[in-house]
Structure formats: structure tokens, C-alpha cells
Amino acid sequence: MTEKIAVVGVGRMGANMARRLKEVGFPVAAVYDARPELAETLAKEIGAERCMRLARVTELSDVILTVVTDDKAMRQIFAPPKPGVDSLLRDARGKVFINCATLSPKVHVEVEKLAQKAGAESLEACMASSITQAREGTLYLMCGGAQSTFNKAKPILEKLSSSMRYVGKAGQAAMVKALANMVMNINTAGPAEGLGLAAACKLDLAMVREVFSQTGANSRVLQTDGEDMHNREHSCFFSAAHAAKDSGIALALAKEKKLNLPLAAAAFKQYTRMIKEGLGELDKSGIAELTFKGRHKSKKK
């Protein structure tokens, strides 16, 4: 394992991916984050350099993983390397970028073209798992880009994942990820409403969850989030803000294709309301705060 690794964006997911790669023997040479204190803490923990400049990240590394928040942040770190502009693409010839954030498909296509122009390679490796899986190396990854780049990155990706799927060309993995999260968000809103109504009817919620689990109302979300909705335990593994962002990406795709998706639109509206109500940093299970009677007092007058 001689490839020197860097991670750009070391929040909950990126930091645990860096820890995992260090643990399995990859030299993690550099970390970077828009919040320098996060990068500094992680750098001391894993023996990496906390870089102040993106160009320094590229200089120190062979493979750079990016885990940034949104399209705007992605375009900033992959800015065309003009004089006076800090960018991962400065002197990037021969480097491989593995981009793990959930972004709009068109941004992944843009980044691939910019990387190719700089003599580098780019692969999207969209994650459909959470913090625990990032630390344990059991992520589910959907990958898009050139097949040759996927093959080159595979030894690293195998240490981060228990399963992965090569989807196709750049942008397609992001499409599939957005659709998966759109459906997950719809599935999360359903139990929140069912359990909220059950509570209003003064039914035993443990009994209702058990009945749901044995019928067509069952889902993976019921298993992971149902008890948390009941107990108001919303420690964040996948935030409501991220749920809104991902549903928004899917709805933008639907608009392009002239499709009406009323369920996706309704779930998006609920998660957007959570952000407006100051609940955006709760886990997605926090949508139950809007559906259980008497739990949340709306800011709306």
C-alpha cells in the first residue's frame, strides 16, 4: 500500500474514512477542511499534515478523496488552476481524485472534464451508508467514471466498503445515489406519519411498530429509525438537511425529465420545513418531530 492518500472534507464521514485507511495500512499524508480546527485535530491523531492550501494536498498525495458538502464547495476545490487561485487541480498530472459526496450529476461530469484537462483522473464513489460504516470500512459505494479509473481505485475502495457497484460513466452514480436517498426519505416520512397518528390514537407504539414490521408497512427505515422516532432519539447519522439536499437533487432530475413526483415533493417539503424550523441538524428520524402531536411548536405564526 504505497499510494499516499489525502482526504479533503474531514467531517464525520471524511474523518472516519481517513482513520479507516490509516488503520489498514495506507499512508494518509494530508487532510484539509474549510474548518481548520477539524483538520488539525484529525491530522494530529493520524500523523498527517494539516494543509492550509488545496494545492499542497495534491502535492503530498497520489490519491485524493473528497467528501464536501455541496456543488458550490466541490466547484471551489476543483477551480481551474489559474494564477492566484488555490485548487486541487494545480500540478495534478497523474493524480487520482475519488469524490464521495452526494452532488448533482452535472458537477461530477464537470469535475471529470477538469481533471482530465489537468492530466488527472476522477471517479465518483457515492456512499449509501453512514458514520459507523465509514469507520468500519463497510460502506456501500456506487461508482461512476472511466472503467480504468475504477479499476485503479478499487484496492482503496475495497478497504472502505463491504460492497460496491460500478454504475457507468460520470454522473450516473450520482443519479442512482440521489434516487436511492429520495426513496429513503419518502420511506422515512411514512413511518413518522404512521407512528404519529398511532400516538394520537393512544395506541402502544411498541406494539404498532411490531405490527408494522410483520406487514407491508415494514421497511429498513422502520428498523433503523422507528424506535428513535418513538423515543425522540435523533442523534445525527444522516441529517435532515442532507435529506433535503438529496431529495432536491432528485427532484431537479425529475424536472429535467418532465416527471411529476408528488411523494418525493412532499418529503422534500417536510425536510425543508425542518431546516426552516431549526431542526435541520437532527437525524432524518427527526421528521417525526413534525408528525407527533404536541412535539414541535412551529415558528410559523
Protein backbone atom coordinates (compact mmCIF):
# COMPACT_ATOMS: atom_id res chain seq x y z
CA MET A 1 0.00 0.00 0.00
CA THR A 2 2.30 2.69 -1.28
CA GLU A 3 -0.20 5.23 -2.59
CA LYS A 4 -0.18 8.34 -0.44
CA ILE A 5 -3.74 9.32 0.44
CA ALA A 6 -5.31 12.68 1.23
CA VAL A 7 -8.82 13.48 2.42
CA VAL A 8 -10.48 16.81 1.71
CA GLY A 9 -13.53 17.36 3.90
CA VAL A 10 -12.99 15.71 7.28
CA GLY A 11 -16.37 15.99 8.92
CA ARG A 12 -17.97 12.89 10.40
CA MET A 13 -17.71 10.80 7.22
CA GLY A 14 -14.39 12.02 5.85
CA ALA A 15 -12.59 11.79 9.19
CA ASN A 16 -13.69 8.19 9.73
CA MET A 17 -12.69 7.24 6.20
CA ALA A 18 -9.24 8.68 6.88
CA ARG A 19 -9.00 6.75 10.14
CA ARG A 20 -10.01 3.55 8.38
CA LEU A 21 -7.43 3.93 5.60
CA LYS A 22 -4.69 4.68 8.13
CA GLU A 23 -5.72 1.65 10.16
CA VAL A 24 -5.47 -0.75 7.21
CA GLY A 25 -2.03 0.45 6.21
CA PHE A 26 -2.39 3.26 3.70
CA PRO A 27 -0.15 6.29 4.34
CA VAL A 28 -2.57 9.17 4.89
CA ALA A 29 -0.33 12.10 4.07
CA ALA A 30 -2.65 15.09 4.14
CA VAL A 31 -6.03 16.33 5.36
CA TYR A 32 -7.89 19.55 4.60
CA ASP A 33 -11.15 21.10 5.71
CA ALA A 34 -12.78 24.51 5.44
CA ARG A 35 -12.93 24.29 9.25
CA PRO A 36 -9.20 24.20 10.10
CA GLU A 37 -9.77 23.02 13.66
CA LEU A 38 -11.29 19.75 12.43
CA ALA A 39 -8.38 19.09 10.11
CA GLU A 40 -5.85 19.99 12.81
CA THR A 41 -7.35 17.55 15.33
CA LEU A 42 -7.50 14.69 12.84
CA ALA A 43 -4.01 15.39 11.49
CA LYS A 44 -2.53 15.04 14.98
CA GLU A 45 -4.48 11.83 15.56
CA ILE A 46 -3.39 10.02 12.38
CA GLY A 47 0.01 11.60 11.74
CA ALA A 48 -0.95 13.53 8.60
CA GLU A 49 -0.16 17.08 7.55
CA ARG A 50 -2.98 19.56 8.03
CA CYS A 51 -2.81 21.52 4.82
CA MET A 52 -3.74 25.17 4.59
CA ARG A 53 -3.84 25.12 0.79
CA LEU A 54 -5.52 22.72 -1.61
CA ALA A 55 -2.50 22.72 -3.90
CA ARG A 56 -0.42 21.39 -1.00
CA VAL A 57 -2.87 18.49 -0.60
CA THR A 58 -2.29 17.49 -4.22
CA GLU A 59 1.46 17.94 -3.89
CA LEU A 60 1.65 15.49 -0.98
CA SER A 61 -0.67 12.81 -2.33
CA ASP A 62 -1.24 10.28 -5.10
CA VAL A 63 -4.95 9.74 -4.42
CA ILE A 64 -7.24 12.43 -3.03
CA LEU A 65 -10.65 11.60 -1.57
CA THR A 66 -13.12 14.46 -1.38
CA VAL A 67 -16.14 14.50 0.94
CA VAL A 68 -17.53 18.03 0.68
CA THR A 69 -20.98 19.38 1.41
CA ASP A 70 -22.47 20.53 -1.87
CA ASP A 71 -21.99 21.57 -5.50
CA LYS A 72 -20.63 25.00 -4.56
CA ALA A 73 -17.93 23.53 -2.31
CA MET A 74 -17.00 21.00 -5.00
CA ARG A 75 -16.57 23.68 -7.64
CA GLN A 76 -14.41 25.68 -5.24
CA ILE A 77 -11.93 22.90 -4.55
CA PHE A 78 -11.76 21.96 -8.26
CA ALA A 79 -11.48 25.51 -9.56
CA PRO A 80 -9.48 25.86 -12.78
CA PRO A 81 -5.87 26.39 -11.61
CA LYS A 82 -5.39 29.99 -12.71
CA PRO A 83 -2.74 32.29 -11.19
CA GLY A 84 -3.71 33.24 -7.66
CA VAL A 85 -6.42 30.54 -7.41
CA ASP A 86 -5.93 27.71 -4.95
CA SER A 87 -7.14 24.40 -6.38
CA LEU A 88 -6.68 20.65 -6.11
CA LEU A 89 -6.00 20.70 -9.85
CA ARG A 90 -2.77 22.66 -9.58
CA ASP A 91 0.08 20.38 -10.75
CA ALA A 92 -2.34 17.46 -10.63
CA ARG A 93 -0.98 15.40 -13.53
CA GLY A 94 -1.07 11.69 -12.66
CA LYS A 95 -3.25 12.14 -9.58
CA VAL A 96 -6.49 10.28 -8.92
CA PHE A 97 -9.47 12.01 -7.33
CA ILE A 98 -12.17 9.90 -5.66
CA ASN A 99 -15.22 12.05 -4.99
CA CYS A 100 -17.57 10.67 -2.36
CA ALA A 101 -20.09 13.42 -1.64
CA THR A 102 -23.68 13.41 -2.85
CA LEU A 103 -23.73 16.10 -5.52
CA SER A 104 -25.70 16.90 -8.63
CA PRO A 105 -24.67 14.62 -11.51
CA LYS A 106 -23.59 17.54 -13.69
CA VAL A 107 -20.93 18.57 -11.16
CA HIS A 108 -19.32 15.13 -11.29
CA VAL A 109 -19.22 15.43 -15.08
CA GLU A 110 -17.66 18.90 -14.80
CA VAL A 111 -15.01 17.66 -12.36
CA GLU A 112 -14.08 14.72 -14.59
CA LYS A 113 -13.54 17.07 -17.55
CA LEU A 114 -11.47 19.48 -15.45
CA ALA A 115 -9.38 16.63 -14.04
CA GLN A 116 -8.73 15.21 -17.49
CA LYS A 117 -7.65 18.65 -18.71
CA ALA A 118 -5.15 18.76 -15.83
CA GLY A 119 -3.83 15.29 -16.71
CA ALA A 120 -5.55 13.64 -13.72
CA GLU A 121 -8.35 11.12 -13.27
CA SER A 122 -11.65 11.46 -11.42
CA LEU A 123 -14.08 8.88 -10.07
CA GLU A 124 -17.32 9.37 -8.22
CA ALA A 125 -17.77 6.94 -5.33
CA CYS A 126 -21.14 7.86 -3.86
CA MET A 127 -21.82 6.47 -0.39
CA ALA A 128 -25.09 4.90 0.73
CA SER A 129 -24.08 4.28 4.33
CA SER A 130 -23.34 6.26 7.46
CA ILE A 131 -20.70 7.12 10.04
CA THR A 132 -20.35 3.69 11.62
CA GLN A 133 -19.86 2.05 8.23
CA ALA A 134 -17.26 4.66 7.26
CA ARG A 135 -15.22 3.82 10.36
CA GLU A 136 -15.59 0.05 9.92
CA GLY A 137 -14.89 0.02 6.20
CA THR A 138 -18.33 -1.37 5.33
CA LEU A 139 -19.69 1.41 3.13
CA TYR A 140 -21.86 0.64 0.12
CA LEU A 141 -20.39 2.53 -2.82
CA MET A 142 -21.84 3.43 -6.21
CA CYS A 143 -19.06 4.36 -8.61
CA GLY A 144 -19.10 6.30 -11.85
CA GLY A 145 -16.42 7.35 -14.30
CA ALA A 146 -13.99 5.60 -16.59
CA GLN A 147 -13.77 1.85 -16.03
CA SER A 148 -9.96 2.12 -15.99
CA THR A 149 -10.10 4.69 -13.18
CA PHE A 150 -12.48 2.49 -11.21
CA ASN A 151 -10.08 -0.44 -11.59
CA LYS A 152 -7.17 1.73 -10.44
CA ALA A 153 -9.07 2.95 -7.37
CA LYS A 154 -10.55 -0.43 -6.48
CA PRO A 155 -7.83 -1.55 -3.98
CA ILE A 156 -8.52 1.57 -1.93
CA LEU A 157 -12.29 1.38 -2.27
CA GLU A 158 -12.27 -2.26 -1.15
CA LYS A 159 -10.78 -1.17 2.19
CA LEU A 160 -13.60 1.33 2.65
CA SER A 161 -16.53 -0.84 1.58
CA SER A 162 -18.14 -4.21 2.05
CA SER A 163 -19.88 -3.87 -1.31
CA MET A 164 -19.61 -1.61 -4.31
CA ARG A 165 -21.21 -1.26 -7.71
CA TYR A 166 -19.72 0.22 -10.86
CA VAL A 167 -22.68 2.07 -12.36
CA GLY A 168 -21.29 3.64 -15.52
CA LYS A 169 -19.97 6.93 -16.82
CA ALA A 170 -19.52 10.10 -14.78
CA GLY A 171 -22.76 11.43 -13.35
CA GLN A 172 -24.66 8.15 -13.39
CA ALA A 173 -23.62 7.03 -9.91
CA ALA A 174 -24.76 10.40 -8.56
CA MET A 175 -28.11 9.89 -10.25
CA VAL A 176 -28.56 6.46 -8.66
CA LYS A 177 -27.49 7.80 -5.24
CA ALA A 178 -29.94 10.69 -5.45
CA LEU A 179 -32.74 8.28 -6.36
CA ALA A 180 -31.83 5.91 -3.51
CA ASN A 181 -31.90 8.75 -0.99
CA MET A 182 -35.10 10.17 -2.45
CA VAL A 183 -36.82 6.83 -1.86
CA MET A 184 -35.24 6.52 1.61
CA ASN A 185 -36.57 9.97 2.51
CA ILE A 186 -40.08 9.01 1.37
CA ASN A 187 -39.80 5.78 3.37
CA THR A 188 -38.73 7.76 6.45
CA ALA A 189 -41.68 10.14 6.20
CA GLY A 190 -44.14 7.22 6.09
CA PRO A 191 -43.37 5.63 9.49
CA ALA A 192 -43.15 9.10 11.04
CA GLU A 193 -46.74 9.77 9.99
CA GLY A 194 -47.98 6.30 10.90
CA LEU A 195 -46.42 6.39 14.36
CA GLY A 196 -47.54 9.98 14.88
CA LEU A 197 -51.14 9.01 14.16
CA ALA A 198 -50.81 5.92 16.36
CA ALA A 199 -49.62 8.12 19.24
CA ALA A 200 -52.56 10.49 18.72
CA CYS A 201 -54.86 7.45 18.90
CA LYS A 202 -53.18 6.47 22.19
CA LEU A 203 -52.01 3.13 20.80
CA ASP A 204 -49.00 1.34 22.22
CA LEU A 205 -46.20 2.38 19.87
CA ALA A 206 -44.01 -0.67 20.51
CA MET A 207 -46.98 -2.85 19.54
CA VAL A 208 -47.65 -0.75 16.44
CA ARG A 209 -44.01 -0.96 15.34
CA GLU A 210 -44.11 -4.74 15.76
CA VAL A 211 -47.27 -4.96 13.65
CA PHE A 212 -45.74 -2.71 11.00
CA SER A 213 -42.69 -4.99 10.90
CA GLN A 214 -44.85 -8.03 10.08
CA THR A 215 -46.87 -6.39 7.33
CA GLY A 216 -46.42 -4.40 4.14
CA ALA A 217 -45.62 -1.38 6.32
CA ASN A 218 -42.21 -2.88 7.07
CA SER A 219 -39.07 -1.23 5.74
CA ARG A 220 -35.41 -0.90 6.56
CA VAL A 221 -36.12 2.62 7.77
CA LEU A 222 -38.69 1.27 10.23
CA GLN A 223 -35.96 -0.99 11.62
CA THR A 224 -33.33 1.74 11.90
CA ASP A 225 -35.47 4.75 12.80
CA GLY A 226 -38.79 3.54 14.19
CA GLU A 227 -37.71 3.22 17.82
CA ASP A 228 -35.80 6.52 17.57
CA MET A 229 -38.97 8.25 16.37
CA HIS A 230 -40.84 6.75 19.33
CA ASN A 231 -38.19 7.76 21.87
CA ARG A 232 -37.24 11.12 20.31
CA GLU A 233 -33.64 9.96 19.89
CA HIS A 234 -32.35 11.87 16.90
CA SER A 235 -28.56 11.70 17.21
CA CYS A 236 -27.35 12.57 13.76
CA PHE A 237 -26.15 9.87 11.37
CA PHE A 238 -27.80 11.37 8.28
CA SER A 239 -29.14 14.85 8.83
CA ALA A 240 -32.46 16.28 7.77
CA ALA A 241 -30.51 18.97 5.94
CA HIS A 242 -28.76 16.32 3.86
CA ALA A 243 -32.08 14.59 3.25
CA ALA A 244 -33.49 17.83 1.86
CA LYS A 245 -30.45 18.36 -0.32
CA ASP A 246 -30.58 14.86 -1.80
CA SER A 247 -34.32 14.94 -2.45
CA GLY A 248 -33.78 18.30 -4.11
CA ILE A 249 -31.20 16.79 -6.47
CA ALA A 250 -33.62 14.02 -7.41
CA LEU A 251 -36.47 16.47 -7.97
CA ALA A 252 -34.25 18.58 -10.22
CA LEU A 253 -33.61 15.46 -12.30
CA ALA A 254 -37.35 14.79 -12.42
CA LYS A 255 -37.97 18.34 -13.62
CA GLU A 256 -35.41 17.85 -16.40
CA LYS A 257 -37.25 14.69 -17.48
CA LYS A 258 -40.67 16.36 -17.10
CA LEU A 259 -41.83 13.89 -14.43
CA ASN A 260 -44.18 14.70 -11.57
CA LEU A 261 -43.12 13.00 -8.31
CA PRO A 262 -45.66 14.07 -5.66
CA LEU A 263 -44.36 11.79 -2.89
CA ALA A 264 -40.79 12.97 -3.35
CA ALA A 265 -42.02 16.57 -3.39
CA ALA A 266 -43.97 16.08 -0.16
CA ALA A 267 -40.95 14.52 1.62
CA PHE A 268 -38.73 17.34 0.34
CA LYS A 269 -41.21 19.88 1.70
CA GLN A 270 -41.11 18.25 5.15
CA TYR A 271 -37.32 18.14 5.32
CA THR A 272 -37.09 21.72 4.05
CA ARG A 273 -39.53 22.72 6.78
CA MET A 274 -37.24 21.04 9.34
CA ILE A 275 -34.40 23.29 8.22
CA LYS A 276 -36.60 26.38 8.47
CA GLU A 277 -37.74 25.29 11.93
CA GLY A 278 -34.16 24.90 13.18
CA LEU A 279 -34.27 21.08 13.10
CA GLY A 280 -32.02 20.55 10.10
CA GLU A 281 -29.11 19.09 12.08
CA LEU A 282 -31.26 16.38 13.65
CA ASP A 283 -31.06 12.93 12.15
CA LYS A 284 -33.59 12.26 9.39
CA SER A 285 -35.66 10.39 12.02
CA GLY A 286 -36.35 13.85 13.46
CA ILE A 287 -39.06 14.26 10.83
CA ALA A 288 -41.25 12.63 13.50
CA GLU A 289 -41.00 15.87 15.47
CA LEU A 290 -43.31 17.34 12.83
CA THR A 291 -45.82 14.46 12.83
CA PHE A 292 -46.28 13.65 16.53
CA LYS A 293 -48.94 15.89 18.06
CA GLY A 294 -47.59 18.41 20.55
CA ARG A 295 -43.89 17.73 19.97
CA HIS A 296 -42.81 20.75 17.99
CA LYS A 297 -44.15 24.25 18.13
CA SER A 298 -43.83 25.73 14.67
CA LYS A 299 -42.18 29.10 14.22
CA LYS A 300 -44.87 29.95 11.71
CA LYS A 301 -47.40 32.46 13.03
